[in-house]
Each structure stands twice: as structure tokens, then as C-alpha cells.
C-alpha atoms as a PDB file:
ATOM      1  CA  MET A   1     -24.400   9.647   5.357  1.00  0.00           C
ATOM      2  CA  PHE A   2     -23.468  12.424   2.949  1.00  0.00           C
ATOM      3  CA  GLY A   3     -25.341  15.625   2.123  1.00  0.00           C
ATOM      4  CA  ALA A   4     -26.651  16.395  -1.311  1.00  0.00           C
ATOM      5  CA  ALA A   5     -23.936  18.851  -2.244  1.00  0.00           C
ATOM      6  CA  PHE A   6     -20.670  17.863  -3.834  1.00  0.00           C
ATOM      7  CA  PHE A   7     -17.559  19.539  -2.482  1.00  0.00           C
ATOM      8  CA  ILE A   8     -13.797  19.209  -2.692  1.00  0.00           C
ATOM      9  CA  LEU A   9     -11.253  19.764   0.057  1.00  0.00           C
ATOM     10  CA  SER A  10      -7.771  20.571  -1.165  1.00  0.00           C
ATOM     11  CA  LEU A  11      -4.901  19.493   1.055  1.00  0.00           C
ATOM     12  CA  GLY A  12      -1.452  20.587  -0.049  1.00  0.00           C
ATOM     13  CA  GLY A  13      -2.472  20.659  -3.686  1.00  0.00           C
ATOM     14  CA  LEU A  14      -4.081  17.218  -3.732  1.00  0.00           C
ATOM     15  CA  SER A  15      -7.863  17.124  -3.819  1.00  0.00           C
ATOM     16  CA  TYR A  16     -10.039  14.808  -1.808  1.00  0.00           C
ATOM     17  CA  ALA A  17     -13.687  14.592  -2.857  1.00  0.00           C
ATOM     18  CA  TRP A  18     -16.933  13.819  -1.076  1.00  0.00           C
ATOM     19  CA  ALA A  19     -20.380  13.674  -2.670  1.00  0.00           C
ATOM     20  CA  GLY A  20     -24.019  12.894  -2.118  1.00  0.00           C
ATOM     21  CA  SER A  21     -25.419   9.652  -3.523  1.00  0.00           C
ATOM     22  CA  GLU A  22     -26.694  11.178  -6.781  1.00  0.00           C
ATOM     23  CA  GLU A  23     -23.421  12.966  -7.407  1.00  0.00           C
ATOM     24  CA  ILE A  24     -21.513   9.742  -6.855  1.00  0.00           C
ATOM     25  CA  LYS A  25     -23.087   8.353 -10.021  1.00  0.00           C
ATOM     26  CA  ARG A  26     -21.949  11.344 -12.078  1.00  0.00           C
ATOM     27  CA  ASN A  27     -18.624  12.285 -10.540  1.00  0.00           C
ATOM     28  CA  LEU A  28     -17.145   9.143  -9.040  1.00  0.00           C
ATOM     29  CA  SER A  29     -16.147   6.014 -10.890  1.00  0.00           C
ATOM     30  CA  PRO A  30     -15.318   2.444  -9.808  1.00  0.00           C
ATOM     31  CA  ALA A  31     -13.046   2.110 -12.840  1.00  0.00           C
ATOM     32  CA  SER A  32      -9.665   0.340 -12.651  1.00  0.00           C
ATOM     33  CA  ILE A  33      -7.257   1.976 -10.208  1.00  0.00           C
ATOM     34  CA  PRO A  34      -3.459   1.772  -9.982  1.00  0.00           C
ATOM     35  CA  ILE A  35      -1.817   0.923  -6.678  1.00  0.00           C
ATOM     36  CA  PHE A  36       1.867   1.827  -6.462  1.00  0.00           C
ATOM     37  CA  VAL A  37       4.351   0.050  -4.201  1.00  0.00           C
ATOM     38  CA  TYR A  38       7.668   1.643  -3.289  1.00  0.00           C
ATOM     39  CA  HIS A  39      10.405   0.294  -1.026  1.00  0.00           C
ATOM     40  CA  ARG A  40      13.251   2.720  -0.405  1.00  0.00           C
ATOM     41  CA  PHE A  41      14.068   6.363  -1.070  1.00  0.00           C
ATOM     42  CA  GLY A  42      17.214   8.457  -1.110  1.00  0.00           C
ATOM     43  CA  PRO A  43      19.340  11.021  -2.946  1.00  0.00           C
ATOM     44  CA  VAL A  44      20.904   8.360  -5.197  1.00  0.00           C
ATOM     45  CA  VAL A  45      19.934   4.905  -6.446  1.00  0.00           C
ATOM     46  CA  ALA A  46      21.546   2.591  -3.922  1.00  0.00           C
ATOM     47  CA  ASP A  47      19.930  -0.585  -5.294  1.00  0.00           C
ATOM     48  CA  GLY A  48      17.165  -1.808  -7.583  1.00  0.00           C
ATOM     49  CA  MET A  49      14.445  -1.017  -5.053  1.00  0.00           C
ATOM     50  CA  THR A  50      15.505   2.596  -4.437  1.00  0.00           C
ATOM     51  CA  VAL A  51      13.541   5.447  -5.984  1.00  0.00           C
ATOM     52  CA  THR A  52      15.327   8.761  -5.649  1.00  0.00           C
ATOM     53  CA  THR A  53      13.474  11.193  -3.454  1.00  0.00           C
ATOM     54  CA  HIS A  54      13.482  13.708  -6.312  1.00  0.00           C
ATOM     55  CA  HIS A  55      11.787  11.263  -8.671  1.00  0.00           C
ATOM     56  CA  PHE A  56       9.229  10.261  -6.050  1.00  0.00           C
ATOM     57  CA  GLU A  57       8.324  13.907  -5.539  1.00  0.00           C
ATOM     58  CA  SER A  58       7.951  14.238  -9.308  1.00  0.00           C
ATOM     59  CA  HIS A  59       5.419  11.380  -9.162  1.00  0.00           C
ATOM     60  CA  ILE A  60       3.364  13.287  -6.594  1.00  0.00           C
ATOM     61  CA  GLU A  61       3.584  16.451  -8.681  1.00  0.00           C
ATOM     62  CA  TYR A  62       2.447  14.517 -11.759  1.00  0.00           C
ATOM     63  CA  LEU A  63      -0.584  13.131  -9.922  1.00  0.00           C
ATOM     64  CA  ARG A  64      -1.495  16.561  -8.611  1.00  0.00           C
ATOM     65  CA  GLU A  65      -1.098  18.300 -11.972  1.00  0.00           C
ATOM     66  CA  HIS A  66      -3.172  15.692 -13.817  1.00  0.00           C
ATOM     67  CA  GLY A  67      -6.105  15.676 -11.410  1.00  0.00           C
ATOM     68  CA  HIS A  68      -5.550  12.337  -9.723  1.00  0.00           C
ATOM     69  CA  HIS A  69      -6.854  11.618  -6.216  1.00  0.00           C
ATOM     70  CA  VAL A  70      -4.486   9.825  -3.851  1.00  0.00           C
ATOM     71  CA  ILE A  71      -6.862   7.782  -1.734  1.00  0.00           C
ATOM     72  CA  PRO A  72      -6.265   5.608   1.336  1.00  0.00           C
ATOM     73  CA  LEU A  73      -5.812   1.974   0.388  1.00  0.00           C
ATOM     74  CA  ARG A  74      -8.518   1.194   2.921  1.00  0.00           C
ATOM     75  CA  ASP A  75     -11.065   3.042   0.768  1.00  0.00           C
ATOM     76  CA  LEU A  76     -10.186   0.854  -2.217  1.00  0.00           C
ATOM     77  CA  VAL A  77     -10.498  -2.304  -0.128  1.00  0.00           C
ATOM     78  CA  ASP A  78     -13.826  -1.169   1.291  1.00  0.00           C
ATOM     79  CA  THR A  79     -15.112  -0.761  -2.263  1.00  0.00           C
ATOM     80  CA  HIS A  80     -14.078  -4.321  -3.106  1.00  0.00           C
ATOM     81  CA  LEU A  81     -15.774  -5.535   0.066  1.00  0.00           C
ATOM     82  CA  GLY A  82     -18.980  -3.688  -0.806  1.00  0.00           C
ATOM     83  CA  LYS A  83     -18.709  -1.258   2.116  1.00  0.00           C
ATOM     84  CA  ARG A  84     -18.755   1.771  -0.196  1.00  0.00           C
ATOM     85  CA  LYS A  85     -20.227   2.278  -3.653  1.00  0.00           C
ATOM     86  CA  ALA A  86     -17.513   4.096  -5.541  1.00  0.00           C
ATOM     87  CA  LEU A  87     -14.235   5.984  -5.435  1.00  0.00           C
ATOM     88  CA  PRO A  88     -13.182   9.385  -6.779  1.00  0.00           C
ATOM     89  CA  TYR A  89     -12.518   9.571 -10.503  1.00  0.00           C
ATOM     90  CA  ARG A  90      -8.811   9.086 -11.268  1.00  0.00           C
ATOM     91  CA  SER A  91      -8.054   7.521  -7.916  1.00  0.00           C
ATOM     92  CA  VAL A  92      -4.635   6.064  -7.108  1.00  0.00           C
ATOM     93  CA  SER A  93      -3.204   4.517  -3.937  1.00  0.00           C
ATOM     94  CA  ILE A  94       0.350   4.623  -2.601  1.00  0.00           C
ATOM     95  CA  THR A  95       1.904   1.826  -0.577  1.00  0.00           C
ATOM     96  CA  VAL A  96       5.431   1.230   0.736  1.00  0.00           C
ATOM     97  CA  ASP A  97       6.760  -2.184   1.736  1.00  0.00           C
ATOM     98  CA  ASP A  98       9.269  -3.273   4.404  1.00  0.00           C
ATOM     99  CA  GLY A  99       9.702  -0.280   6.767  1.00  0.00           C
ATOM    100  CA  HIS A 100      13.057   1.061   5.569  1.00  0.00           C
ATOM    101  CA  LYS A 101      14.434   4.018   7.529  1.00  0.00           C
ATOM    102  CA  SER A 102      14.183   6.217   4.415  1.00  0.00           C
ATOM    103  CA  VAL A 103      10.406   6.210   4.954  1.00  0.00           C
ATOM    104  CA  TYR A 104      11.098   8.350   8.005  1.00  0.00           C
ATOM    105  CA  THR A 105      13.954  10.468   6.604  1.00  0.00           C
ATOM    106  CA  ASP A 106      12.801  10.992   2.998  1.00  0.00           C
ATOM    107  CA  LEU A 107       9.143  10.044   2.555  1.00  0.00           C
ATOM    108  CA  PHE A 108       7.700  11.495   5.753  1.00  0.00           C
ATOM    109  CA  PRO A 109       8.697  15.115   4.936  1.00  0.00           C
ATOM    110  CA  LEU A 110       6.968  14.833   1.544  1.00  0.00           C
ATOM    111  CA  VAL A 111       3.848  13.328   3.093  1.00  0.00           C
ATOM    112  CA  LYS A 112       3.677  16.302   5.444  1.00  0.00           C
ATOM    113  CA  LYS A 113       4.295  18.723   2.564  1.00  0.00           C
ATOM    114  CA  TYR A 114       1.700  17.339   0.145  1.00  0.00           C
ATOM    115  CA  ARG A 115      -0.695  15.722   2.634  1.00  0.00           C
ATOM    116  CA  PHE A 116      -1.375  12.390   0.908  1.00  0.00           C
ATOM    117  CA  PRO A 117      -2.210   9.034   2.544  1.00  0.00           C
ATOM    118  CA  VAL A 118       0.221   6.105   2.520  1.00  0.00           C
ATOM    119  CA  THR A 119      -0.127   2.481   3.594  1.00  0.00           C
ATOM    120  CA  LEU A 120       3.037   0.924   5.015  1.00  0.00           C
ATOM    121  CA  PHE A 121       3.331  -2.862   4.882  1.00  0.00           C
ATOM    122  CA  LEU A 122       5.788  -3.801   7.632  1.00  0.00           C
ATOM    123  CA  TYR A 123       7.548  -6.946   8.765  1.00  0.00           C
ATOM    124  CA  PRO A 124       7.939  -6.349  12.491  1.00  0.00           C
ATOM    125  CA  SER A 125      11.011  -8.517  13.092  1.00  0.00           C
ATOM    126  CA  ALA A 126      13.131  -5.771  11.506  1.00  0.00           C
ATOM    127  CA  ILE A 127      11.626  -2.799  13.349  1.00  0.00           C
ATOM    128  CA  SER A 128      14.034  -1.466  16.016  1.00  0.00           C
ATOM    129  CA  ASN A 129      16.319  -4.429  15.224  1.00  0.00           C
ATOM    130  CA  ALA A 130      17.769  -4.135  11.719  1.00  0.00           C
ATOM    131  CA  SER A 131      20.082  -1.203  10.947  1.00  0.00           C
ATOM    132  CA  TYR A 132      18.192  -0.473   7.722  1.00  0.00           C
ATOM    133  CA  ALA A 133      14.763  -0.320   9.348  1.00  0.00           C
ATOM    134  CA  MET A 134      12.749   2.270  11.237  1.00  0.00           C
ATOM    135  CA  THR A 135      12.204   2.109  14.969  1.00  0.00           C
ATOM    136  CA  TRP A 136       8.896   1.741  16.778  1.00  0.00           C
ATOM    137  CA  ASP A 137       9.274   5.302  18.063  1.00  0.00           C
ATOM    138  CA  GLN A 138       9.707   6.604  14.502  1.00  0.00           C
ATOM    139  CA  LEU A 139       6.600   4.722  13.423  1.00  0.00           C
ATOM    140  CA  ARG A 140       4.657   6.217  16.315  1.00  0.00           C
ATOM    141  CA  GLU A 141       5.879   9.676  15.309  1.00  0.00           C
ATOM    142  CA  ILE A 142       4.746   9.386  11.707  1.00  0.00           C
ATOM    143  CA  GLN A 143       1.484   7.858  12.958  1.00  0.00           C
ATOM    144  CA  THR A 144       0.611  11.196  14.589  1.00  0.00           C
ATOM    145  CA  SER A 145       0.294  12.771  11.126  1.00  0.00           C
ATOM    146  CA  GLY A 146      -2.897  10.775  10.565  1.00  0.00           C
ATOM    147  CA  LEU A 147      -1.748  10.010   7.012  1.00  0.00           C
ATOM    148  CA  PHE A 148      -0.138   6.590   7.516  1.00  0.00           C
ATOM    149  CA  ASP A 149      -1.838   3.220   7.817  1.00  0.00           C
ATOM    150  CA  PHE A 150       0.299   0.312   9.050  1.00  0.00           C
ATOM    151  CA  GLN A 151      -0.370  -3.198   7.784  1.00  0.00           C
ATOM    152  CA  SER A 152       1.340  -6.588   7.619  1.00  0.00           C
ATOM    153  CA  HIS A 153       4.111  -7.870   5.363  1.00  0.00           C
ATOM    154  CA  THR A 154       4.355 -11.107   7.433  1.00  0.00           C
ATOM    155  CA  TYR A 155       6.713 -11.343  10.402  1.00  0.00           C
ATOM    156  CA  TRP A 156      10.098 -11.579   8.687  1.00  0.00           C
ATOM    157  CA  HIS A 157       9.405 -11.493   4.915  1.00  0.00           C
ATOM    158  CA  PRO A 158       9.944 -15.173   4.045  1.00  0.00           C
ATOM    159  CA  ASN A 159      10.005 -16.793   0.640  1.00  0.00           C
ATOM    160  CA  PHE A 160       7.066 -19.155   1.019  1.00  0.00           C
ATOM    161  CA  LYS A 161       8.063 -21.227  -2.016  1.00  0.00           C
ATOM    162  CA  ASN A 162      11.467 -22.003  -0.497  1.00  0.00           C
ATOM    163  CA  GLU A 163      10.016 -22.694   2.931  1.00  0.00           C
ATOM    164  CA  LYS A 164       7.444 -25.095   1.507  1.00  0.00           C
ATOM    165  CA  LYS A 165      10.250 -27.126  -0.112  1.00  0.00           C
ATOM    166  CA  ARG A 166      12.365 -27.090   3.047  1.00  0.00           C
ATOM    167  CA  LEU A 167       9.748 -27.949   5.651  1.00  0.00           C
ATOM    168  CA  SER A 168       7.434 -30.870   6.223  1.00  0.00           C
ATOM    169  CA  PRO A 169       3.712 -30.183   5.643  1.00  0.00           C
ATOM    170  CA  GLU A 170       3.127 -29.886   9.399  1.00  0.00           C
ATOM    171  CA  GLU A 171       6.137 -27.610   9.902  1.00  0.00           C
ATOM    172  CA  TYR A 172       5.123 -25.474   6.945  1.00  0.00           C
ATOM    173  CA  GLU A 173       1.620 -24.989   8.321  1.00  0.00           C
ATOM    174  CA  THR A 174       3.036 -23.903  11.684  1.00  0.00           C
ATOM    175  CA  PHE A 175       5.485 -21.583   9.939  1.00  0.00           C
ATOM    176  CA  VAL A 176       2.816 -19.935   7.777  1.00  0.00           C
ATOM    177  CA  GLU A 177       0.501 -19.404  10.720  1.00  0.00           C
ATOM    178  CA  MET A 178       3.334 -17.847  12.747  1.00  0.00           C
ATOM    179  CA  GLN A 179       4.286 -15.450   9.958  1.00  0.00           C
ATOM    180  CA  LEU A 180       0.715 -14.277   9.474  1.00  0.00           C
ATOM    181  CA  LYS A 181      -0.463 -14.136  13.086  1.00  0.00           C
ATOM    182  CA  ARG A 182       2.671 -12.902  14.842  1.00  0.00           C
ATOM    183  CA  SER A 183       3.061  -9.960  12.460  1.00  0.00           C
ATOM    184  CA  LYS A 184      -0.531  -8.910  12.978  1.00  0.00           C
ATOM    185  CA  GLU A 185      -0.331  -9.264  16.759  1.00  0.00           C
ATOM    186  CA  LYS A 186       2.968  -7.355  17.076  1.00  0.00           C
ATOM    187  CA  LEU A 187       1.826  -4.423  14.949  1.00  0.00           C
ATOM    188  CA  GLU A 188      -1.487  -4.168  16.768  1.00  0.00           C
ATOM    189  CA  LYS A 189       0.214  -4.252  20.174  1.00  0.00           C
ATOM    190  CA  GLU A 190       2.942  -1.708  19.382  1.00  0.00           C
ATOM    191  CA  LEU A 191       0.842   0.770  17.404  1.00  0.00           C
ATOM    192  CA  GLY A 192      -2.662   0.287  18.777  1.00  0.00           C
ATOM    193  CA  ILE A 193      -4.182  -0.333  15.351  1.00  0.00           C
ATOM    194  CA  GLN A 194      -6.280  -2.834  13.430  1.00  0.00           C
ATOM    195  CA  VAL A 195      -4.241  -4.978  11.064  1.00  0.00           C
ATOM    196  CA  ASP A 196      -6.264  -6.846   8.440  1.00  0.00           C
ATOM    197  CA  MET A 197      -4.411  -6.195   5.185  1.00  0.00           C
ATOM    198  CA  LEU A 198      -1.385  -8.117   3.939  1.00  0.00           C
ATOM    199  CA  ALA A 199       1.293  -7.645   1.288  1.00  0.00           C
ATOM    200  CA  TRP A 200       2.546 -11.023   0.046  1.00  0.00           C
ATOM    201  CA  PRO A 201       6.370 -11.209   0.403  1.00  0.00           C
ATOM    202  CA  PHE A 202       7.948 -11.341  -3.066  1.00  0.00           C
ATOM    203  CA  GLY A 203       4.397 -11.392  -4.422  1.00  0.00           C
ATOM    204  CA  ILE A 204       4.176 -15.133  -3.680  1.00  0.00           C
ATOM    205  CA  TYR A 205       0.746 -16.542  -2.912  1.00  0.00           C
ATOM    206  CA  ASP A 206      -1.440 -19.551  -3.672  1.00  0.00           C
ATOM    207  CA  GLU A 207      -4.836 -20.908  -2.622  1.00  0.00           C
ATOM    208  CA  TYR A 208      -3.413 -22.437   0.558  1.00  0.00           C
ATOM    209  CA  LEU A 209      -1.729 -19.201   1.659  1.00  0.00           C
ATOM    210  CA  ILE A 210      -4.879 -17.230   0.908  1.00  0.00           C
ATOM    211  CA  ARG A 211      -6.944 -19.612   3.035  1.00  0.00           C
ATOM    212  CA  LYS A 212      -4.497 -19.346   5.935  1.00  0.00           C
ATOM    213  CA  ALA A 213      -4.459 -15.535   5.649  1.00  0.00           C
ATOM    214  CA  VAL A 214      -8.253 -15.392   5.792  1.00  0.00           C
ATOM    215  CA  GLU A 215      -8.217 -17.693   8.821  1.00  0.00           C
ATOM    216  CA  ALA A 216      -5.697 -15.345  10.495  1.00  0.00           C
ATOM    217  CA  GLY A 217      -8.056 -12.398  10.089  1.00  0.00           C
ATOM    218  CA  TYR A 218      -6.923 -10.684   6.899  1.00  0.00           C
ATOM    219  CA  VAL A 219      -9.618  -9.281   4.603  1.00  0.00           C
ATOM    220  CA  SER A 220      -7.394  -8.267   1.668  1.00  0.00           C
ATOM    221  CA  ALA A 221      -3.927  -8.952   0.324  1.00  0.00           C
ATOM    222  CA  PHE A 222      -1.667  -7.510  -2.363  1.00  0.00           C
ATOM    223  CA  THR A 223       0.749  -8.781  -4.981  1.00  0.00           C
ATOM    224  CA  ILE A 224       3.349  -7.078  -7.187  1.00  0.00           C
ATOM    225  CA  GLU A 225       1.686  -7.725 -10.539  1.00  0.00           C
ATOM    226  CA  ARG A 226       1.771  -4.659 -12.772  1.00  0.00           C
ATOM    227  CA  PHE A 227      -1.902  -4.093 -13.494  1.00  0.00           C
ATOM    228  CA  HIS A 228      -4.610  -1.677 -12.431  1.00  0.00           C
ATOM    229  CA  THR A 229      -6.998  -3.131  -9.865  1.00  0.00           C
ATOM    230  CA  LYS A 230     -10.479  -3.898 -11.118  1.00  0.00           C
ATOM    231  CA  ALA A 231     -13.725  -4.750  -9.367  1.00  0.00           C
ATOM    232  CA  SER A 232     -13.402  -8.315 -10.659  1.00  0.00           C
ATOM    233  CA  ASP A 233      -9.974  -8.908  -9.054  1.00  0.00           C
ATOM    234  CA  PRO A 234      -9.853 -11.260  -6.053  1.00  0.00           C
ATOM    235  CA  VAL A 235      -9.582  -9.188  -2.891  1.00  0.00           C
ATOM    236  CA  MET A 236      -6.839 -11.469  -1.522  1.00  0.00           C
ATOM    237  CA  ALA A 237      -4.619 -10.920  -4.563  1.00  0.00           C
ATOM    238  CA  LEU A 238      -4.968  -7.308  -5.672  1.00  0.00           C
ATOM    239  CA  PRO A 239      -2.242  -6.161  -8.076  1.00  0.00           C
ATOM    240  CA  ARG A 240       0.257  -3.361  -7.431  1.00  0.00           C
ATOM    241  CA  TYR A 241       2.861  -1.692  -9.630  1.00  0.00           C
ATOM    242  CA  LEU A 242       6.328  -2.184  -8.175  1.00  0.00           C
ATOM    243  CA  ILE A 243       7.875   1.226  -8.839  1.00  0.00           C
ATOM    244  CA  THR A 244      11.606   1.593  -9.494  1.00  0.00           C
ATOM    245  CA  ASP A 245      13.699   4.615 -10.342  1.00  0.00           C
ATOM    246  CA  ALA A 246      13.290   3.831 -14.045  1.00  0.00           C
ATOM    247  CA  ASP A 247       9.581   4.658 -13.722  1.00  0.00           C
ATOM    248  CA  LYS A 248       9.883   8.389 -14.168  1.00  0.00           C
ATOM    249  CA  GLY A 249       8.639  10.997 -16.589  1.00  0.00           C
ATOM    250  CA  LYS A 250       6.679   9.492 -19.466  1.00  0.00           C
ATOM    251  CA  ALA A 251       7.170   5.973 -18.099  1.00  0.00           C
ATOM    252  CA  PHE A 252       5.349   6.887 -14.899  1.00  0.00           C
ATOM    253  CA  GLY A 253       2.638   8.645 -16.888  1.00  0.00           C
ATOM    254  CA  LYS A 254       2.036   5.492 -18.921  1.00  0.00           C
ATOM    255  CA  ILE A 255       1.695   3.432 -15.743  1.00  0.00           C
ATOM    256  CA  VAL A 256      -0.836   5.851 -14.302  1.00  0.00           C
ATOM    257  CA  GLY A 257      -2.739   5.784 -17.580  1.00  0.00           C
ATOM    258  CA  GLY A 258      -2.838   2.012 -17.686  1.00  0.00           C
ATOM    259  CA  SER A 259      -0.215   1.447 -20.390  1.00  0.00           C
ATOM    260  CA  PRO A 260       2.977   0.594 -18.485  1.00  0.00           C
ATOM    261  CA  CYS A 261       6.259   0.281 -20.314  1.00  0.00           C
ATOM    262  CA  SER A 262       7.623  -3.237 -20.484  1.00  0.00           C
END
């Protein structure tokens, strides 16, 4: 599929690499990779999930200056599924959960400036309904950049532990299936995409939820456990670093390097 030569294309200061099969062995590595998950952005810290836009941009600058490759999350998943052999050395992936309107106002301009891929995990019940969320038209606009992938965060971001206690076994099964299937169907209909990745709400998952997600058509899912992903990690529970505004400067550098601050 690839030629013999190894070459690098630089987009906005971030490098994306392609290589022939022999060069893959020398230049690319399937080593552990950090996945970052953000939620909201803005000029000030409005809550515990807000990362100031300035600090987020400093994260991108850090990755660029230290030779890290921001890769699509899909590439990482394809490696776990055996669809590709390896990933660029010093790969990282960036994800954002929920679909907050600051993705459009604050993140989108930086994505266009630096040209890096982002996966958005959305719960569709909020889109064009909640005052804090983006609209479908805004999602379609950022989709035209070619740098965003849209995936599922269930339909309305439930706490599955609470719902399991509240509902009968039959009601809980119906509820879980609705959350997984309706989200996927709505996103695919509105955005004309394939949805087969899932971010577990609140990082909650178990063997039953994994089985139901696989039955609903998901091939990978993600938690909020603060570890680098490894080849040995289960593809339906891949860890991500939940990034807050405290993760800046040296603290962010330690996360990227695999030694996160406690």
C-alpha cells in the first residue's frame, strides 16, 4: 500500500508520517500511547472540567515542540484491531467528550490553526437542545474541516450504576440498548458518518455493558483511567487521561511522558 520511501508531511507545525513496510520497523513504534480527553474550553476556569483555551493551546505547542504526532483515534483503534501494524513514534490522540459549545467557539479555531485531528464523543440528546451544547449545524460546519471524527457518548450520558439500581433487570436491559443504539443511529443520520466507537459515561463499564455495546455495533470503547494505552489493553476499555486546567506546564509534560502527577 505504501512506497518504499519514508516521508513526512507537516501541517501547521505538526508532522504526520507515512512509511514503507521496512521503514515502519525502524521509525514507527507500537509503544504505549496517551489519549487525552477534554470537555470544555474558555478564557477562564468556569468549572472542574474547563481547560482554559490558553492552556490547551500550550498543550498543542508542547506536543509540536517535542516531536509528538497527533494521530486520529481511529488509527489507534485500527492498530488494536490488527488493521494496521504500527503507529508513528511518539503518537498521541486527542478526544473531547459531550459536545459543549466551546468546541465550536474555542477549540475549532485552534484545530484550523494547527491542523490536528480530534475525536468528539457526543450525546445527541443535548445537541440543538441544551443551551450549553453545540447545534447540528455547527457540527456539520466543523465536519467540513476533515479533522473531526464524531462518535458516541450514549444518548443522554446516564450513570449506568444508578440506573441499574433503579430499574428492574428487564427495564435496565431496554434502557442500556436504547442509550447505545439510539445515540449511534442519531449521529449517523444527522452527520452521515459511521459510528462504532464509544466513550463510557463517567468511565463506568462492566462485562455486561461491554457485551451490549458489542452487540450494538461498537468495536472500541474508552474510559477515563489515567494510563497510556498499550497493545495488551482490552479494546472495549481503552484508558484516557481526563485533562483539567491543573494539567499544564510540567504536569502536562509528565502525563505525555507516562509519569502523571497524582
